[in-house]
């Protein structure tokens, strides 16, 4: 750290760190970019990393995982918040009239795969976990009861009362099939809504379109459930209102029917999966307990999290890794082992369970939306990049070009990633981003 502070190019290095927003694992690029006048061939502007500290340009990693880089994950969370909120109240290219469209906040849960330790509350007071006077004894000699009042940070939360009775295979298989269950849910939702209004699905498209935005959340027991915003629009999407007969009550009925009707079958194992019995359907309002801000913030929060909150890893697990030596919870270790074991089954090859063992079998996108729900993450990022470019031009750091007459030639090469332990401490001080643990080297420098 002292060595970095005494470097003559420290100010430039610190400026690069600021421009990454405090990224903990910035990507190192080496190369140049040149702007030429297409008519005269005259060189208008040149940038090269040869004059940069270490001869590299540091750019943000842009990961969505908060466990890897809180700074970049915060940008992803904020973008997701804006995307979801725009679909509720307008903005970002969505008309404000969309706020009057019927809209629901739906939570689809997973079924039970065995009793687990849980925190239960009543009127803000913690209740016993599984208090039973006549608790049965499982085949492995364990009483299926727990009288402890678990705290919110109790490490046993989500752990099975009897690990040997817990259906680990079912848990990871449900995770793997949950994207298919969601797809079938959306199809069944449209069919049921059309039937409730005396229409075919094809005829429904001429009157109503159903838009959604969803996010997957891991429960402590290691299974995913989905939170979704489901909205009714006219045939032209958010720009047109739905007909008067397309009501919130009708949408609620269709959601409840679709959630109980759809199944996904694994023929090689003769197993069928469906959503859990706990279904939450609530109306989103502009005032009250469930506002558009609360819903957008809730969904955006889980867009930056993954299976690491269950106690597993945020990287892929290789087939030759020693599972016993992995720094994970025992419950997560058994789920990973189930993925590895089932991944070798020839009839389950399409699920790629071994490849997604670190995600406990889940292989879908964490946050998705229908095409016409609102803006896209790409459009939000493009607007931010254009804003930064305009600032560069305004401050004189980049000349103003006519893009139609300028030829841009660029060459970049990846040469590394990360910060040393000393650089991490300095980056935290410069950007005001706290370190979650001891600073450690993420990668080697040139």
Protein backbone atom coordinates (compact mmCIF):
# COMPACT_ATOMS: atom_id res chain seq x y z
CA UNK A 1 0.00 0.00 0.00
CA UNK A 2 2.84 2.37 0.84
CA UNK A 3 4.54 1.49 -2.43
CA UNK A 4 1.39 2.43 -4.36
CA UNK A 5 1.04 5.73 -2.49
CA UNK A 6 4.60 6.70 -3.37
CA UNK A 7 4.25 6.03 -7.09
CA UNK A 8 4.44 9.16 -9.30
CA UNK A 9 1.32 8.04 -11.18
CA UNK A 10 -0.74 7.48 -8.02
CA UNK A 11 -3.21 10.27 -8.85
CA UNK A 12 -3.98 8.70 -12.22
CA UNK A 13 -4.36 5.26 -10.59
CA UNK A 14 -6.73 6.73 -7.99
CA UNK A 15 -8.75 8.36 -10.78
CA UNK A 16 -9.12 4.99 -12.51
CA UNK A 17 -10.32 3.45 -9.24
CA UNK A 18 -12.91 6.21 -8.82
CA UNK A 19 -14.18 5.68 -12.36
CA UNK A 20 -14.72 1.95 -11.64
CA UNK A 21 -17.03 2.96 -8.79
CA UNK A 22 -14.98 1.02 -6.24
CA UNK A 23 -15.02 -2.29 -8.14
CA UNK A 24 -13.16 -4.94 -6.13
CA UNK A 25 -12.07 -6.99 -9.12
CA UNK A 26 -11.61 -4.55 -12.02
CA UNK A 27 -10.67 -5.97 -15.40
CA UNK A 28 -7.27 -4.94 -16.76
CA UNK A 29 -7.15 -4.06 -20.45
CA UNK A 30 -4.18 -3.17 -22.61
CA UNK A 31 -4.52 -1.53 -26.00
CA UNK A 32 -5.43 1.62 -27.86
CA UNK A 33 -8.24 3.37 -29.72
CA UNK A 34 -7.80 5.79 -32.64
CA UNK A 35 -10.25 8.15 -34.38
CA UNK A 36 -9.66 8.99 -38.06
CA UNK A 37 -11.40 11.35 -40.44
CA UNK A 38 -12.88 9.04 -43.09
CA UNK A 39 -12.45 11.65 -45.84
CA UNK A 40 -8.89 12.86 -45.25
CA UNK A 41 -7.51 9.93 -43.24
CA UNK A 42 -6.23 12.44 -40.68
CA UNK A 43 -5.74 11.13 -37.11
CA UNK A 44 -8.13 13.08 -34.89
CA UNK A 45 -7.59 11.47 -31.52
CA UNK A 46 -5.61 8.61 -30.00
CA UNK A 47 -5.75 6.94 -26.62
CA UNK A 48 -3.24 4.33 -25.48
CA UNK A 49 -2.75 2.52 -22.20
CA UNK A 50 1.04 2.87 -22.43
CA UNK A 51 0.88 5.98 -20.26
CA UNK A 52 -1.50 4.45 -17.70
CA UNK A 53 -0.34 3.06 -14.32
CA UNK A 54 1.01 -0.41 -14.98
CA UNK A 55 0.27 0.06 -18.69
CA UNK A 56 -3.34 -1.03 -18.27
CA UNK A 57 -6.82 0.47 -18.15
CA UNK A 58 -8.99 -0.72 -15.24
CA UNK A 59 -12.72 -1.08 -15.98
CA UNK A 60 -15.54 -2.40 -13.74
CA UNK A 61 -16.21 -6.14 -13.70
CA UNK A 62 -20.00 -5.46 -13.89
CA UNK A 63 -20.93 -8.63 -12.00
CA UNK A 64 -24.39 -8.88 -10.50
CA UNK A 65 -23.24 -10.94 -7.49
CA UNK A 66 -22.94 -8.89 -4.31
CA UNK A 67 -20.68 -11.60 -2.84
CA UNK A 68 -18.06 -10.89 -5.51
CA UNK A 69 -18.26 -7.12 -5.93
CA UNK A 70 -20.74 -5.04 -3.90
CA UNK A 71 -20.07 -1.90 -5.96
CA UNK A 72 -20.94 -3.41 -9.35
CA UNK A 73 -23.80 -5.39 -7.84
CA UNK A 74 -25.27 -2.14 -6.51
CA UNK A 75 -25.34 -0.72 -10.06
CA UNK A 76 -27.13 -3.88 -11.24
CA UNK A 77 -29.59 -3.63 -8.33
CA UNK A 78 -30.34 0.03 -9.09
CA UNK A 79 -30.90 -0.74 -12.79
CA UNK A 80 -33.26 -3.60 -11.90
CA UNK A 81 -35.14 -1.30 -9.53
CA UNK A 82 -35.65 1.27 -12.28
CA UNK A 83 -36.70 -1.42 -14.75
CA UNK A 84 -39.33 -2.90 -12.41
CA UNK A 85 -40.62 0.47 -11.19
CA UNK A 86 -40.97 1.80 -14.75
CA UNK A 87 -43.34 -1.07 -15.47
CA UNK A 88 -45.49 -0.02 -12.52
CA UNK A 89 -45.68 3.78 -12.72
CA UNK A 90 -44.11 4.66 -16.07
CA UNK A 91 -40.89 6.32 -17.12
CA UNK A 92 -37.91 5.07 -19.13
CA UNK A 93 -40.07 5.03 -22.25
CA UNK A 94 -43.15 3.59 -20.53
CA UNK A 95 -46.25 5.87 -20.34
CA UNK A 96 -47.42 6.96 -16.88
CA UNK A 97 -50.89 5.63 -17.68
CA UNK A 98 -49.54 2.13 -17.02
CA UNK A 99 -50.06 2.80 -13.29
CA UNK A 100 -53.83 2.34 -13.83
CA UNK A 101 -53.45 -1.15 -15.31
CA UNK A 102 -54.39 -4.15 -13.09
CA UNK A 103 -51.20 -5.46 -11.49
CA UNK A 104 -50.38 -8.23 -9.00
CA UNK A 105 -47.37 -9.21 -6.91
CA UNK A 106 -47.18 -13.01 -6.92
CA UNK A 107 -44.92 -15.36 -4.95
CA UNK A 108 -44.63 -18.97 -6.14
CA UNK A 109 -42.95 -21.27 -3.61
CA UNK A 110 -41.40 -24.73 -3.61
CA UNK A 111 -43.02 -27.79 -2.01
CA UNK A 112 -41.69 -29.38 1.16
CA UNK A 113 -38.81 -31.84 0.92
CA UNK A 114 -38.60 -32.46 4.67
CA UNK A 115 -38.95 -30.60 7.96
CA UNK A 116 -36.32 -27.89 8.50
CA UNK A 117 -35.46 -25.49 11.30
CA UNK A 118 -37.36 -22.24 10.84
CA UNK A 119 -37.95 -18.98 12.67
CA UNK A 120 -41.60 -18.46 13.46
CA UNK A 121 -43.07 -15.25 14.82
CA UNK A 122 -46.38 -14.04 16.21
CA UNK A 123 -46.92 -10.37 17.00
CA UNK A 124 -43.16 -9.84 16.77
CA UNK A 125 -42.37 -12.60 19.28
CA UNK A 126 -40.35 -15.66 18.32
CA UNK A 127 -42.17 -18.99 18.63
CA UNK A 128 -40.73 -22.49 19.09
CA UNK A 129 -39.43 -23.97 15.85
CA UNK A 130 -41.31 -27.32 15.75
CA UNK A 131 -42.82 -27.83 19.19
CA UNK A 132 -44.74 -31.11 19.29
CA UNK A 133 -45.75 -33.05 22.40
CA UNK A 134 -46.26 -36.27 20.50
CA UNK A 135 -43.49 -35.75 17.97
CA UNK A 136 -42.85 -38.90 15.94
CA UNK A 137 -39.44 -40.47 15.74
CA UNK A 138 -38.02 -40.85 12.26
CA UNK A 139 -36.57 -44.15 11.00
CA UNK A 140 -33.12 -42.84 11.90
CA UNK A 141 -33.98 -42.39 15.59
CA UNK A 142 -34.40 -38.61 15.62
CA UNK A 143 -37.40 -36.93 17.22
CA UNK A 144 -39.04 -34.66 14.65
CA UNK A 145 -39.36 -31.76 17.07
CA UNK A 146 -37.46 -28.59 17.99
CA UNK A 147 -38.48 -26.31 20.85
CA UNK A 148 -35.78 -23.67 20.25
CA UNK A 149 -36.77 -20.10 19.44
CA UNK A 150 -34.32 -19.41 16.62
CA UNK A 151 -32.77 -15.99 16.16
CA UNK A 152 -32.58 -14.45 12.70
CA UNK A 153 -28.86 -15.27 12.45
CA UNK A 154 -29.09 -18.84 13.76
CA UNK A 155 -26.92 -21.03 11.53
CA UNK A 156 -29.38 -23.92 11.88
CA UNK A 157 -32.10 -22.10 9.95
CA UNK A 158 -32.91 -24.10 6.83
CA UNK A 159 -31.12 -27.21 8.13
CA UNK A 160 -33.23 -30.42 8.14
CA UNK A 161 -34.38 -31.82 11.45
CA UNK A 162 -33.13 -35.14 10.11
CA UNK A 163 -30.64 -34.86 7.23
CA UNK A 164 -31.01 -38.56 6.46
CA UNK A 165 -34.76 -38.17 5.91
CA UNK A 166 -34.50 -35.01 3.83
CA UNK A 167 -35.22 -35.39 0.10
CA UNK A 168 -32.03 -33.86 -1.30
CA UNK A 169 -32.63 -35.33 -4.74
CA UNK A 170 -36.07 -33.77 -4.91
CA UNK A 171 -34.72 -30.39 -3.82
CA UNK A 172 -32.10 -30.09 -6.56
CA UNK A 173 -34.40 -31.55 -9.20
CA UNK A 174 -37.08 -28.98 -8.34
CA UNK A 175 -34.47 -26.22 -8.73
CA UNK A 176 -33.51 -27.58 -12.13
CA UNK A 177 -37.14 -27.79 -13.29
CA UNK A 178 -38.36 -24.49 -11.79
CA UNK A 179 -37.71 -22.48 -15.01
CA UNK A 180 -39.86 -24.98 -16.91
CA UNK A 181 -42.53 -24.77 -14.22
CA UNK A 182 -42.53 -20.99 -14.61
CA UNK A 183 -42.84 -21.25 -18.40
CA UNK A 184 -45.79 -23.61 -18.07
CA UNK A 185 -47.31 -21.32 -15.43
CA UNK A 186 -47.28 -18.36 -17.85
CA UNK A 187 -48.92 -20.48 -20.56
CA UNK A 188 -51.58 -21.81 -18.18
CA UNK A 189 -52.20 -18.28 -16.89
CA UNK A 190 -53.04 -17.00 -20.37
CA UNK A 191 -55.23 -20.01 -21.15
CA UNK A 192 -57.17 -19.66 -17.90
CA UNK A 193 -57.60 -15.89 -18.24
CA UNK A 194 -58.90 -16.37 -21.77
CA UNK A 195 -61.33 -19.09 -20.63
CA UNK A 196 -62.66 -16.92 -17.78
CA UNK A 197 -63.60 -14.30 -20.36
CA UNK A 198 -65.02 -16.70 -22.94
CA UNK A 199 -62.14 -16.34 -25.39
CA UNK A 200 -59.50 -18.50 -27.01
CA UNK A 201 -55.85 -17.72 -26.40
CA UNK A 202 -55.52 -16.45 -29.96
CA UNK A 203 -58.54 -14.18 -29.58
CA UNK A 204 -57.24 -12.95 -26.22
CA UNK A 205 -54.16 -11.46 -27.90
CA UNK A 206 -56.41 -9.10 -29.83
CA UNK A 207 -57.70 -7.59 -26.58
CA UNK A 208 -55.22 -8.22 -23.75
CA UNK A 209 -51.51 -8.86 -23.27
CA UNK A 210 -50.04 -10.14 -20.01
CA UNK A 211 -46.64 -8.73 -19.02
CA UNK A 212 -44.41 -9.78 -16.14
CA UNK A 213 -41.08 -9.24 -14.42
CA UNK A 214 -39.78 -11.86 -12.01
CA UNK A 215 -36.81 -12.72 -9.83
CA UNK A 216 -35.69 -15.99 -8.22
CA UNK A 217 -34.86 -16.10 -4.51
CA UNK A 218 -33.10 -18.86 -2.60
CA UNK A 219 -34.63 -19.94 0.68
CA UNK A 220 -32.31 -21.01 3.48
CA UNK A 221 -33.22 -24.64 2.84
CA UNK A 222 -31.66 -24.37 -0.62
CA UNK A 223 -34.67 -24.22 -2.97
CA UNK A 224 -35.77 -21.32 -5.14
CA UNK A 225 -39.08 -19.54 -5.24
CA UNK A 226 -40.17 -16.80 -7.60
CA UNK A 227 -41.43 -13.28 -6.95
CA UNK A 228 -43.23 -11.80 -9.96
CA UNK A 229 -45.02 -8.64 -11.01
CA UNK A 230 -47.85 -9.60 -13.39
CA UNK A 231 -49.66 -6.80 -15.26
CA UNK A 232 -52.57 -6.62 -17.69
CA UNK A 233 -52.17 -4.41 -20.78
CA UNK A 234 -54.07 -3.75 -23.96
CA UNK A 235 -53.10 -5.45 -27.23
CA UNK A 236 -50.34 -2.86 -27.85
CA UNK A 237 -48.64 -3.44 -24.51
CA UNK A 238 -48.21 -0.69 -21.89
CA UNK A 239 -49.18 1.98 -24.42
CA UNK A 240 -52.79 0.75 -24.49
CA UNK A 241 -55.17 0.15 -21.56
CA UNK A 242 -56.80 -3.26 -21.10
CA UNK A 243 -60.56 -3.59 -21.66
CA UNK A 244 -62.85 -3.03 -18.68
CA UNK A 245 -63.59 -6.76 -18.34
CA UNK A 246 -59.87 -7.48 -17.77
CA UNK A 247 -59.95 -6.97 -14.01
CA UNK A 248 -57.63 -7.64 -11.11
CA UNK A 249 -60.05 -10.23 -9.69
CA UNK A 250 -60.07 -12.18 -12.95
CA UNK A 251 -56.28 -12.08 -13.09
CA UNK A 252 -56.10 -13.29 -9.48
CA UNK A 253 -58.36 -16.25 -10.28
CA UNK A 254 -56.23 -17.15 -13.29
CA UNK A 255 -53.02 -16.96 -11.25
CA UNK A 256 -54.36 -19.21 -8.49
CA UNK A 257 -55.61 -21.77 -11.01
CA UNK A 258 -52.41 -21.81 -13.05
CA UNK A 259 -50.22 -22.20 -9.94
CA UNK A 260 -52.09 -25.36 -8.90
CA UNK A 261 -52.58 -26.81 -12.39
CA UNK A 262 -49.07 -26.97 -13.86
CA UNK A 263 -46.64 -29.82 -13.30
CA UNK A 264 -43.26 -30.91 -14.65
CA UNK A 265 -42.47 -34.60 -14.97
CA UNK A 266 -39.10 -36.35 -14.96
CA UNK A 267 -39.81 -39.58 -16.79
CA UNK A 268 -36.38 -41.20 -16.18
CA UNK A 269 -37.06 -41.06 -12.42
CA UNK A 270 -40.87 -41.21 -12.57
CA UNK A 271 -41.15 -38.04 -10.50
CA UNK A 272 -43.55 -35.13 -10.92
CA UNK A 273 -42.97 -31.65 -9.50
CA UNK A 274 -45.36 -28.78 -8.89
CA UNK A 275 -45.42 -25.47 -7.02
CA UNK A 276 -45.75 -25.47 -3.25
CA UNK A 277 -49.04 -24.94 -1.44
CA UNK A 278 -47.98 -21.50 -0.15
CA UNK A 279 -49.10 -19.07 -2.84
CA UNK A 280 -49.15 -15.33 -2.16
CA UNK A 281 -51.13 -13.05 -4.51
CA UNK A 282 -51.44 -9.36 -3.64
CA UNK A 283 -52.64 -6.27 -5.46
CA UNK A 284 -50.04 -3.54 -6.04
CA UNK A 285 -51.27 -0.03 -5.22
CA UNK A 286 -49.79 3.46 -5.41
CA UNK A 287 -50.39 3.89 -1.68
CA UNK A 288 -50.68 1.47 1.20
CA UNK A 289 -48.44 -1.39 2.34
CA UNK A 290 -47.55 -2.76 -1.09
CA UNK A 291 -46.49 0.24 -3.17
CA UNK A 292 -44.61 0.20 -6.45
CA UNK A 293 -41.45 1.36 -4.65
CA UNK A 294 -41.63 -1.48 -2.12
CA UNK A 295 -42.16 -4.09 -4.85
CA UNK A 296 -39.37 -2.74 -7.07
CA UNK A 297 -36.95 -2.58 -4.13
CA UNK A 298 -37.85 -6.13 -3.03
CA UNK A 299 -37.32 -7.63 -6.47
CA UNK A 300 -34.12 -5.65 -7.12
CA UNK A 301 -32.63 -6.83 -3.82
CA UNK A 302 -32.73 -10.47 -4.85
CA UNK A 303 -31.40 -9.78 -8.35
CA UNK A 304 -27.88 -9.49 -6.84
CA UNK A 305 -28.01 -12.64 -4.70
CA UNK A 306 -27.63 -16.30 -5.56
CA UNK A 307 -27.08 -19.63 -3.84
CA UNK A 308 -24.19 -18.33 -1.71
CA UNK A 309 -26.77 -17.08 0.81
CA UNK A 310 -27.60 -20.76 1.45
CA UNK A 311 -24.01 -21.44 2.41
CA UNK A 312 -22.57 -22.70 -0.86
CA UNK A 313 -19.98 -21.19 -3.23
CA UNK A 314 -20.30 -18.44 -5.83
CA UNK A 315 -18.15 -20.32 -8.33
CA UNK A 316 -18.53 -23.50 -10.32
CA UNK A 317 -17.55 -26.77 -8.65
CA UNK A 318 -15.41 -29.12 -10.70
CA UNK A 319 -16.05 -32.87 -10.79
CA UNK A 320 -12.60 -33.53 -9.32
CA UNK A 321 -13.06 -31.12 -6.40
CA UNK A 322 -12.95 -32.68 -2.93
CA UNK A 323 -16.50 -32.07 -1.65
CA UNK A 324 -15.46 -32.80 1.93
CA UNK A 325 -12.94 -29.94 1.83
CA UNK A 326 -15.28 -27.28 0.41
CA UNK A 327 -15.93 -24.36 2.82
CA UNK A 328 -19.71 -24.82 2.80
CA UNK A 329 -22.47 -25.80 5.22
CA UNK A 330 -23.13 -29.52 5.59
CA UNK A 331 -26.65 -29.05 4.22
CA UNK A 332 -25.25 -27.31 1.13
CA UNK A 333 -22.60 -30.03 0.81
CA UNK A 334 -25.29 -32.71 0.62
CA UNK A 335 -27.21 -30.72 -1.99
CA UNK A 336 -24.03 -30.37 -4.07
CA UNK A 337 -23.35 -34.09 -3.69
CA UNK A 338 -26.88 -34.82 -4.92
CA UNK A 339 -26.24 -32.68 -8.01
CA UNK A 340 -23.00 -34.56 -8.71
CA UNK A 341 -24.65 -37.95 -8.24
CA UNK A 342 -27.73 -37.19 -10.32
CA UNK A 343 -25.61 -35.45 -12.95
CA UNK A 344 -24.15 -38.80 -13.94
CA UNK A 345 -27.61 -40.23 -14.71
CA UNK A 346 -27.86 -40.58 -18.52
CA UNK A 347 -31.53 -39.62 -18.52
CA UNK A 348 -30.84 -36.31 -16.75
CA UNK A 349 -28.02 -35.07 -18.97
CA UNK A 350 -30.13 -32.16 -20.29
CA UNK A 351 -30.43 -30.73 -16.76
CA UNK A 352 -26.62 -30.29 -16.52
CA UNK A 353 -26.74 -30.80 -12.76
CA UNK A 354 -22.98 -31.25 -12.44
CA UNK A 355 -22.34 -27.96 -14.23
CA UNK A 356 -24.80 -26.12 -11.96
CA UNK A 357 -23.97 -27.87 -8.70
CA UNK A 358 -22.80 -24.60 -7.12
CA UNK A 359 -26.32 -23.24 -7.81
CA UNK A 360 -27.84 -26.38 -6.24
CA UNK A 361 -29.31 -27.38 -9.60
CA UNK A 362 -30.93 -24.08 -10.62
CA UNK A 363 -29.85 -23.08 -14.12
CA UNK A 364 -32.29 -20.32 -15.04
CA UNK A 365 -31.90 -16.55 -15.21
CA UNK A 366 -32.39 -14.84 -11.87
CA UNK A 367 -34.28 -11.84 -13.17
CA UNK A 368 -36.34 -12.00 -16.34
CA UNK A 369 -39.20 -10.06 -17.88
CA UNK A 370 -41.58 -10.29 -20.79
CA UNK A 371 -40.72 -8.32 -23.90
CA UNK A 372 -43.16 -5.45 -23.39
CA UNK A 373 -43.04 -5.09 -19.60
CA UNK A 374 -40.78 -2.01 -19.61
CA UNK A 375 -37.31 -0.91 -20.68
CA UNK A 376 -34.30 -3.26 -20.75
CA UNK A 377 -31.06 -3.38 -18.80
CA UNK A 378 -29.20 -2.84 -22.07
CA UNK A 379 -31.06 0.41 -22.73
CA UNK A 380 -30.35 1.66 -19.20
CA UNK A 381 -26.64 0.86 -19.58
CA UNK A 382 -26.51 2.53 -23.00
CA UNK A 383 -28.08 5.69 -21.56
CA UNK A 384 -25.51 5.73 -18.75
CA UNK A 385 -22.62 5.26 -21.19
CA UNK A 386 -23.92 8.10 -23.37
CA UNK A 387 -24.20 10.35 -20.32
CA UNK A 388 -20.58 9.60 -19.37
CA UNK A 389 -19.44 10.24 -22.94
CA UNK A 390 -21.22 13.59 -22.97
CA UNK A 391 -19.45 14.50 -19.75
CA UNK A 392 -16.10 13.60 -21.31
CA UNK A 393 -16.86 15.88 -24.26
CA UNK A 394 -18.10 18.72 -22.03
CA UNK A 395 -14.98 18.66 -19.86
CA UNK A 396 -12.69 18.51 -22.90
CA UNK A 397 -11.28 15.03 -22.17
CA UNK A 398 -12.77 13.76 -25.44
CA UNK A 399 -13.08 15.80 -28.64
CA UNK A 400 -16.48 16.34 -30.23
CA UNK A 401 -16.73 14.26 -33.40
CA UNK A 402 -19.32 13.81 -36.10
CA UNK A 403 -19.83 10.07 -35.68
CA UNK A 404 -20.93 9.65 -39.30
CA UNK A 405 -17.58 10.88 -40.64
CA UNK A 406 -15.22 9.33 -38.09
CA UNK A 407 -13.61 5.90 -38.35
CA UNK A 408 -12.82 4.28 -35.00
CA UNK A 409 -10.10 1.60 -34.85
CA UNK A 410 -9.60 -0.10 -31.49
CA UNK A 411 -7.53 -2.99 -30.22
CA UNK A 412 -7.86 -4.33 -26.69
CA UNK A 413 -6.40 -7.32 -24.89
CA UNK A 414 -7.34 -8.81 -21.54
CA UNK A 415 -4.29 -8.95 -19.26
CA UNK A 416 -5.67 -9.65 -15.80
CA UNK A 417 -8.25 -8.86 -13.15
CA UNK A 418 -8.43 -7.80 -9.52
CA UNK A 419 -6.56 -5.73 -6.97
CA UNK A 420 -3.79 -6.58 -4.58
CA UNK A 421 -4.49 -6.52 -0.83
CA UNK A 422 -2.91 -3.08 -0.49
CA UNK A 423 -4.78 -1.72 -3.51
CA UNK A 424 -8.06 -3.01 -2.06
CA UNK A 425 -7.48 -1.05 1.13
CA UNK A 426 -6.71 2.11 -0.83
CA UNK A 427 -9.70 1.60 -3.14
CA UNK A 428 -11.99 1.25 -0.13
CA UNK A 429 -10.64 4.51 1.31
CA UNK A 430 -10.90 6.37 -2.02
CA UNK A 431 -14.46 5.32 -2.85
CA UNK A 432 -15.83 4.89 0.65
CA UNK A 433 -16.83 1.26 0.04
CA UNK A 434 -16.23 -0.99 3.09
CA UNK A 435 -14.42 -4.29 2.87
CA UNK A 436 -16.48 -7.35 3.83
CA UNK A 437 -13.44 -9.20 5.10
CA UNK A 438 -9.64 -9.19 5.08
CA UNK A 439 -8.33 -7.71 1.86
CA UNK A 440 -6.91 -10.42 -0.31
CA UNK A 441 -5.32 -10.62 -3.70
CA UNK A 442 -7.84 -11.46 -6.43
CA UNK A 443 -5.36 -11.71 -9.27
CA UNK A 444 -1.76 -11.01 -10.17
CA UNK A 445 -0.64 -7.75 -11.76
CA UNK A 446 1.48 -7.36 -14.76
